[in-house]
Amino acid sequence: MTQIVRKVRIIGTGSYTPERILTNKELEKMVDTNDEWIFNALGIRERHIIDSNQATSDLAAESGMRAIENAGLTPDDIDLIIVATSTPDRLAPSTACIVQDKMKAYNSAAFDVAAVCSGFLFGMSVAAQFIASGVYNNVIVIGADTFSTITDWTSRDCIFFGDGAGAAVMTHTNGNYDGGFLAFRLYSDGRGKYNFTVPAGGSENPASKETLEKGMHYYKMDGKAVFDTATRVLPEAIQQVLRDVGLSIKDIDYMVPHQPSIGILKKTAEIIGLPFEKVQINMEKYANTSGGTIPILLDELKRDGKIHKNNIILFAAVGSGWTWGSAIIKWA
């Protein structure tokens, strides 16, 4: 049997964040924190929060439609929808199926990917395999999260996250073009599974009066474990994916990372020897939007005209699980 291996590129991006903005100054009135500390420690000034009549699928569908339009396609052209989210509309059906209906992309298959902050990177990897093998031609990967719905707004940990969604349309490249995705490296380590977790709402601790009273439907995190793990595993993943394609850190034009904190990104850049001006950030405006971080940032860079053909772009993310990984694309 002949194996089909096609090169894969991104042809359209889109993003959407809710209109409501919650600033650090407002959080000072809610919990024991202050604007200066949040900005210096995390790089965050404000975050966007969904309205009561919005759900994750609304953000995902809007970003997806913008990406499809940017790609010069219609919803009928999409073969597969992958939604990376850890805040689904419901436990069933998948948020991707709800998004499919909202976008009216009925020619597509649809499913969710759950890797928390690494979700979009994992989703792109899955999409790339389907396209490279010839199973599908046009796949849209959407990263969307609404962490405000699982945040305890009486806890100091409420400062970390915001709501948002971003999307990328992926397709195959012309056989004569040497660009597109060059390599992916994905990793997981379940031994860190409870360092960032939502204890209740699943089969282990179904929703009950007790779980509600104990606040078990809010996320719980060990901030030190997140920092220590991220600054250890991200450099390793980045260095490995560079070795895979025979590049050095000097070949990287931009790093488009998940937005965990300014401290994690600065430490990672220092370890891998990447000038920090090449590390792209937008957490000041959006905080950490989990699965939405990479595609929102990518869409902003593309719309601002900062990304050009043949740029070498490095993606990197780390999330609960633990899950982490890196990818390199030569922009087509």
Protein backbone atom coordinates (compact mmCIF):
# COMPACT_ATOMS: atom_id res chain seq x y z
CA MET A 1 0.00 0.00 0.00
CA THR A 2 1.32 3.45 -0.91
CA GLN A 3 1.77 5.74 2.07
CA ILE A 4 0.62 9.32 1.51
CA VAL A 5 2.69 11.92 3.32
CA ARG A 6 1.83 15.53 2.57
CA LYS A 7 3.28 18.69 4.05
CA VAL A 8 0.98 20.70 6.29
CA ARG A 9 0.59 24.46 6.65
CA ILE A 10 -1.66 27.06 8.28
CA ILE A 11 -3.70 29.13 5.82
CA GLY A 12 -6.01 31.10 8.11
CA THR A 13 -6.28 32.31 11.69
CA GLY A 14 -8.96 33.94 13.82
CA SER A 15 -9.60 34.86 17.44
CA TYR A 16 -12.30 36.18 19.71
CA THR A 17 -12.34 37.45 23.29
CA PRO A 18 -15.40 38.62 25.23
CA GLU A 19 -16.09 42.34 25.53
CA ARG A 20 -16.09 42.47 29.33
CA ILE A 21 -12.68 43.32 30.81
CA LEU A 22 -11.70 42.64 34.42
CA THR A 23 -8.63 44.59 35.55
CA ASN A 24 -6.15 43.93 38.33
CA LYS A 25 -7.42 47.09 40.02
CA GLU A 26 -10.87 45.55 40.21
CA LEU A 27 -9.43 42.34 41.65
CA GLU A 28 -7.79 44.38 44.43
CA LYS A 29 -11.31 45.01 45.71
CA MET A 30 -12.18 41.31 45.62
CA VAL A 31 -9.13 39.49 47.05
CA ASP A 32 -5.89 40.23 48.87
CA THR A 33 -3.70 41.19 45.91
CA ASN A 34 -2.44 44.27 44.05
CA ASP A 35 -1.96 45.36 40.48
CA GLU A 36 1.79 45.96 40.71
CA TRP A 37 2.53 42.51 42.13
CA ILE A 38 0.36 40.73 39.54
CA PHE A 39 2.01 42.56 36.66
CA ASN A 40 5.57 42.13 37.91
CA ALA A 41 5.13 38.45 38.82
CA LEU A 42 2.85 37.29 36.03
CA GLY A 43 2.84 39.99 33.33
CA ILE A 44 -0.95 40.45 33.55
CA ARG A 45 -2.87 43.74 33.66
CA GLU A 46 -6.36 42.58 32.69
CA ARG A 47 -8.38 39.66 31.39
CA HIS A 48 -11.57 39.19 29.36
CA ILE A 49 -14.59 37.50 30.98
CA ILE A 50 -17.63 35.97 29.30
CA ASP A 51 -21.15 37.29 29.87
CA SER A 52 -23.78 35.14 31.58
CA ASN A 53 -25.33 34.27 28.22
CA GLN A 54 -22.07 33.03 26.66
CA ALA A 55 -20.42 29.60 26.70
CA THR A 56 -17.12 28.21 25.46
CA SER A 57 -18.73 27.15 22.17
CA ASP A 58 -19.76 30.75 21.42
CA LEU A 59 -16.17 31.96 21.63
CA ALA A 60 -14.92 28.93 19.72
CA ALA A 61 -17.43 29.30 16.89
CA GLU A 62 -16.75 33.02 16.43
CA SER A 63 -12.98 32.50 16.30
CA GLY A 64 -13.50 29.57 13.95
CA MET A 65 -15.64 31.56 11.51
CA ARG A 66 -13.03 34.33 11.47
CA ALA A 67 -10.30 31.80 10.71
CA ILE A 68 -12.31 30.20 7.90
CA GLU A 69 -12.96 33.61 6.35
CA ASN A 70 -9.28 34.52 6.70
CA ALA A 71 -8.38 31.30 4.88
CA GLY A 72 -10.67 32.21 1.98
CA LEU A 73 -12.86 29.16 2.62
CA THR A 74 -16.46 28.50 3.65
CA PRO A 75 -17.72 26.23 6.46
CA ASP A 76 -18.63 23.65 3.80
CA ASP A 77 -14.92 23.32 2.96
CA ILE A 78 -13.99 22.10 6.45
CA ASP A 79 -13.45 18.34 6.78
CA LEU A 80 -12.69 18.16 10.49
CA ILE A 81 -13.17 20.36 13.57
CA ILE A 82 -10.93 19.83 16.61
CA VAL A 83 -11.72 21.87 19.71
CA ALA A 84 -9.10 21.97 22.45
CA THR A 85 -10.80 22.90 25.70
CA SER A 86 -10.84 22.07 29.39
CA THR A 87 -14.04 24.05 30.00
CA PRO A 88 -16.56 22.34 27.69
CA ASP A 89 -20.14 23.54 27.43
CA ARG A 90 -21.31 20.16 28.74
CA LEU A 91 -19.85 16.75 29.54
CA ALA A 92 -21.82 15.55 26.52
CA PRO A 93 -21.96 16.21 23.64
CA SER A 94 -18.49 17.41 22.69
CA THR A 95 -18.05 21.16 22.41
CA ALA A 96 -16.76 20.52 18.88
CA CYS A 97 -20.17 19.16 17.83
CA ILE A 98 -21.88 22.23 19.28
CA VAL A 99 -19.39 24.44 17.44
CA GLN A 100 -20.01 22.53 14.21
CA ASP A 101 -23.70 23.36 14.46
CA LYS A 102 -23.08 27.01 15.29
CA MET A 103 -20.72 27.36 12.32
CA LYS A 104 -23.00 25.21 10.12
CA ALA A 105 -19.96 23.20 9.02
CA TYR A 106 -21.99 20.04 8.47
CA ASN A 107 -19.53 18.39 6.09
CA SER A 108 -17.05 17.92 8.92
CA ALA A 109 -16.34 15.40 11.63
CA ALA A 110 -15.86 16.97 15.05
CA PHE A 111 -14.30 16.05 18.39
CA ASP A 112 -12.64 17.60 21.44
CA VAL A 113 -9.06 17.33 22.71
CA ALA A 114 -8.41 17.63 26.45
CA ALA A 115 -4.83 18.61 27.30
CA VAL A 116 -5.62 21.87 29.15
CA CYS A 117 -3.04 24.57 28.33
CA SER A 118 -1.26 22.28 25.84
CA GLY A 119 -4.54 21.46 24.10
CA PHE A 120 -4.10 23.59 20.99
CA LEU A 121 -0.60 22.23 20.37
CA PHE A 122 -1.87 18.66 20.77
CA GLY A 123 -4.80 19.48 18.48
CA MET A 124 -2.51 20.83 15.75
CA SER A 125 -0.47 17.64 15.92
CA VAL A 126 -3.58 15.48 15.46
CA ALA A 127 -4.76 17.66 12.57
CA ALA A 128 -1.35 17.44 10.90
CA GLN A 129 -1.49 13.63 10.91
CA PHE A 130 -4.92 13.55 9.26
CA ILE A 131 -3.80 16.00 6.57
CA ALA A 132 -0.38 14.46 5.96
CA SER A 133 -1.94 11.02 5.49
CA GLY A 134 -4.46 12.33 2.97
CA VAL A 135 -7.53 11.51 5.08
CA TYR A 136 -8.64 15.17 5.24
CA ASN A 137 -7.71 18.31 3.33
CA ASN A 138 -8.95 21.20 5.49
CA VAL A 139 -8.95 20.93 9.27
CA ILE A 140 -9.76 23.71 11.72
CA VAL A 141 -8.21 23.54 15.18
CA ILE A 142 -9.80 25.76 17.81
CA GLY A 143 -8.45 26.45 21.29
CA ALA A 144 -11.15 27.86 23.57
CA ASP A 145 -11.53 28.18 27.32
CA THR A 146 -13.71 30.04 29.81
CA PHE A 147 -11.83 29.59 33.07
CA SER A 148 -13.95 32.29 34.70
CA THR A 149 -16.62 29.58 35.02
CA ILE A 150 -14.37 27.38 37.18
CA THR A 151 -12.64 30.15 39.14
CA ASP A 152 -13.14 30.79 42.84
CA TRP A 153 -13.31 34.58 42.85
CA THR A 154 -12.66 34.65 46.61
CA SER A 155 -9.25 32.98 46.17
CA ARG A 156 -5.99 34.78 45.30
CA ASP A 157 -5.54 32.26 42.47
CA CYS A 158 -8.31 34.07 40.57
CA ILE A 159 -5.68 36.40 39.08
CA PHE A 160 -4.24 33.90 36.59
CA PHE A 161 -6.85 33.23 33.93
CA GLY A 162 -9.07 34.91 31.36
CA ASP A 163 -11.53 33.76 28.70
CA GLY A 164 -10.86 33.58 24.97
CA ALA A 165 -10.63 31.50 21.83
CA GLY A 166 -8.41 31.27 18.77
CA ALA A 167 -8.43 29.11 15.68
CA ALA A 168 -6.23 28.01 12.80
CA VAL A 169 -7.21 26.42 9.49
CA MET A 170 -4.66 23.82 8.40
CA THR A 171 -4.28 22.24 4.96
CA HIS A 172 -1.65 20.55 2.79
CA THR A 173 1.09 22.41 0.94
CA ASN A 174 2.10 22.25 -2.66
CA GLY A 175 4.55 19.40 -3.10
CA ASN A 176 7.25 21.75 -4.39
CA TYR A 177 7.19 24.01 -1.31
CA ASP A 178 9.65 23.25 1.49
CA GLY A 179 7.64 25.02 4.20
CA GLY A 180 4.90 23.99 6.59
CA PHE A 181 5.20 22.07 9.84
CA LEU A 182 8.65 20.57 10.27
CA ALA A 183 8.23 18.61 13.50
CA PHE A 184 6.15 18.04 16.65
CA ARG A 185 7.20 16.71 20.05
CA LEU A 186 4.49 15.89 22.60
CA TYR A 187 4.91 14.60 26.16
CA SER A 188 2.82 13.67 29.19
CA ASP A 189 3.52 12.68 32.79
CA GLY A 190 0.48 11.61 34.80
CA ARG A 191 2.43 11.70 38.04
CA GLY A 192 1.71 15.44 38.11
CA LYS A 193 -2.01 14.98 37.58
CA TYR A 194 -3.20 16.73 40.74
CA ASN A 195 -0.88 19.75 40.75
CA PHE A 196 -3.51 21.53 38.65
CA THR A 197 -6.95 19.99 38.77
CA VAL A 198 -10.69 20.44 39.05
CA PRO A 199 -11.60 17.85 41.72
CA ALA A 200 -15.33 17.44 41.07
CA GLY A 201 -17.78 17.19 38.21
CA GLY A 202 -16.49 13.93 36.74
CA SER A 203 -17.07 10.27 37.61
CA GLU A 204 -14.62 10.35 40.54
CA ASN A 205 -16.56 13.05 42.39
CA PRO A 206 -19.94 13.60 40.70
CA ALA A 207 -21.68 16.88 41.38
CA SER A 208 -23.42 16.87 44.74
CA LYS A 209 -24.40 19.24 47.50
CA GLU A 210 -21.15 18.36 49.28
CA THR A 211 -18.89 19.06 46.27
CA LEU A 212 -20.61 22.38 45.71
CA GLU A 213 -20.27 23.42 49.34
CA LYS A 214 -16.57 22.49 49.34
CA GLY A 215 -15.85 24.45 46.15
CA MET A 216 -14.60 21.32 44.40
CA HIS A 217 -15.79 22.52 40.98
CA TYR A 218 -13.18 25.30 40.95
CA TYR A 219 -9.65 24.68 39.75
CA LYS A 220 -6.97 24.02 42.36
CA MET A 221 -3.31 24.64 41.60
CA ASP A 222 0.15 24.35 43.10
CA GLY A 223 1.81 27.45 41.66
CA LYS A 224 5.35 26.40 42.62
CA ALA A 225 4.92 23.00 40.99
CA VAL A 226 3.65 24.67 37.81
CA PHE A 227 6.67 26.99 37.65
CA ASP A 228 9.23 24.30 38.49
CA THR A 229 7.78 21.82 36.00
CA ALA A 230 7.34 24.32 33.17
CA THR A 231 10.87 25.68 33.40
CA ARG A 232 12.24 22.13 33.37
CA VAL A 233 10.21 20.45 30.65
CA LEU A 234 9.72 23.28 28.15
CA PRO A 235 13.47 23.80 27.47
CA GLU A 236 13.91 20.03 27.07
CA ALA A 237 11.04 19.78 24.56
CA ILE A 238 12.26 22.80 22.60
CA GLN A 239 15.83 21.54 22.41
CA GLN A 240 14.61 18.12 21.27
CA VAL A 241 12.40 19.44 18.47
CA LEU A 242 15.27 21.63 17.27
CA ARG A 243 17.50 18.55 17.11
CA ASP A 244 14.80 16.69 15.20
CA VAL A 245 14.97 19.16 12.31
CA GLY A 246 18.64 20.07 12.51
CA LEU A 247 18.11 23.68 13.58
CA SER A 248 19.62 25.77 16.34
CA ILE A 249 17.91 28.33 18.55
CA LYS A 250 19.54 31.03 16.41
CA ASP A 251 17.36 29.92 13.48
CA ILE A 252 14.14 30.79 15.32
CA ASP A 253 12.47 34.03 14.23
CA TYR A 254 9.60 33.91 16.74
CA MET A 255 8.57 31.81 19.68
CA VAL A 256 4.78 31.67 20.01
CA PRO A 257 4.21 30.06 23.41
CA HIS A 258 1.36 29.32 25.74
CA GLN A 259 1.06 32.25 28.18
CA PRO A 260 1.54 30.76 31.69
CA SER A 261 3.41 33.71 33.25
CA ILE A 262 6.10 36.19 32.29
CA GLY A 263 8.43 34.53 34.79
CA ILE A 264 8.12 31.09 33.20
CA LEU A 265 8.70 32.47 29.71
CA LYS A 266 11.72 34.55 30.73
CA LYS A 267 13.31 31.60 32.51
CA THR A 268 12.64 29.30 29.55
CA ALA A 269 14.15 31.80 27.10
CA GLU A 270 17.21 32.16 29.33
CA ILE A 271 17.76 28.39 29.47
CA ILE A 272 17.43 27.83 25.71
CA GLY A 273 19.43 30.94 24.81
CA LEU A 274 16.65 32.73 22.93
CA PRO A 275 16.65 36.56 23.07
CA PHE A 276 13.47 37.51 24.91
CA GLU A 277 12.44 39.97 22.21
CA LYS A 278 11.76 36.92 20.02
CA VAL A 279 9.32 35.54 22.60
CA GLN A 280 5.85 36.80 21.72
CA ILE A 281 3.50 37.64 24.58
CA ASN A 282 0.00 39.05 25.04
CA MET A 283 -0.80 38.02 28.62
CA GLU A 284 -0.88 41.67 29.69
CA LYS A 285 -4.22 42.01 27.87
CA TYR A 286 -5.70 38.52 28.21
CA ALA A 287 -3.99 36.69 31.11
CA ASN A 288 -3.77 32.92 30.59
CA THR A 289 -6.57 31.75 28.28
CA SER A 290 -5.38 28.12 28.47
CA GLY A 291 -6.18 26.39 25.14
CA GLY A 292 -6.81 29.78 23.56
CA THR A 293 -3.40 31.30 24.28
CA ILE A 294 -1.35 30.15 21.28
CA PRO A 295 -3.99 30.70 18.56
CA ILE A 296 -5.04 34.11 19.91
CA LEU A 297 -1.41 35.23 19.91
CA LEU A 298 -0.75 33.72 16.48
CA ASP A 299 -3.77 35.51 15.02
CA GLU A 300 -2.65 38.84 16.49
CA LEU A 301 0.85 38.46 15.04
CA LYS A 302 -0.56 37.52 11.64
CA ARG A 303 -3.03 40.43 11.58
CA ASP A 304 -0.30 42.85 12.66
CA GLY A 305 1.85 41.76 9.71
CA LYS A 306 4.68 40.48 11.89
CA ILE A 307 4.84 36.99 10.38
CA HIS A 308 6.30 36.60 6.90
CA LYS A 309 6.85 33.77 4.47
CA ASN A 310 9.75 31.49 5.44
CA ASN A 311 9.82 32.70 9.07
CA ILE A 312 10.77 29.86 11.41
CA ILE A 313 8.25 29.81 14.26
CA LEU A 314 8.55 27.80 17.45
CA PHE A 315 5.42 26.77 19.38
CA ALA A 316 5.64 25.58 23.00
CA ALA A 317 3.13 24.83 25.76
CA VAL A 318 2.81 23.11 29.12
CA GLY A 319 -0.41 22.17 30.87
CA SER A 320 -2.09 20.12 33.54
CA GLY A 321 -1.61 16.42 33.37
CA TRP A 322 1.29 17.11 33.04
CA THR A 323 1.15 17.67 29.27
CA TRP A 324 3.70 19.62 27.25
CA GLY A 325 5.31 19.87 23.89
CA SER A 326 6.82 21.92 21.11
CA ALA A 327 6.49 22.31 17.34
CA ILE A 328 8.29 24.13 14.54
CA ILE A 329 6.76 25.54 11.38
CA LYS A 330 8.31 27.25 8.39
CA TRP A 331 5.64 29.80 7.58
CA ALA A 332 4.10 29.24 4.17
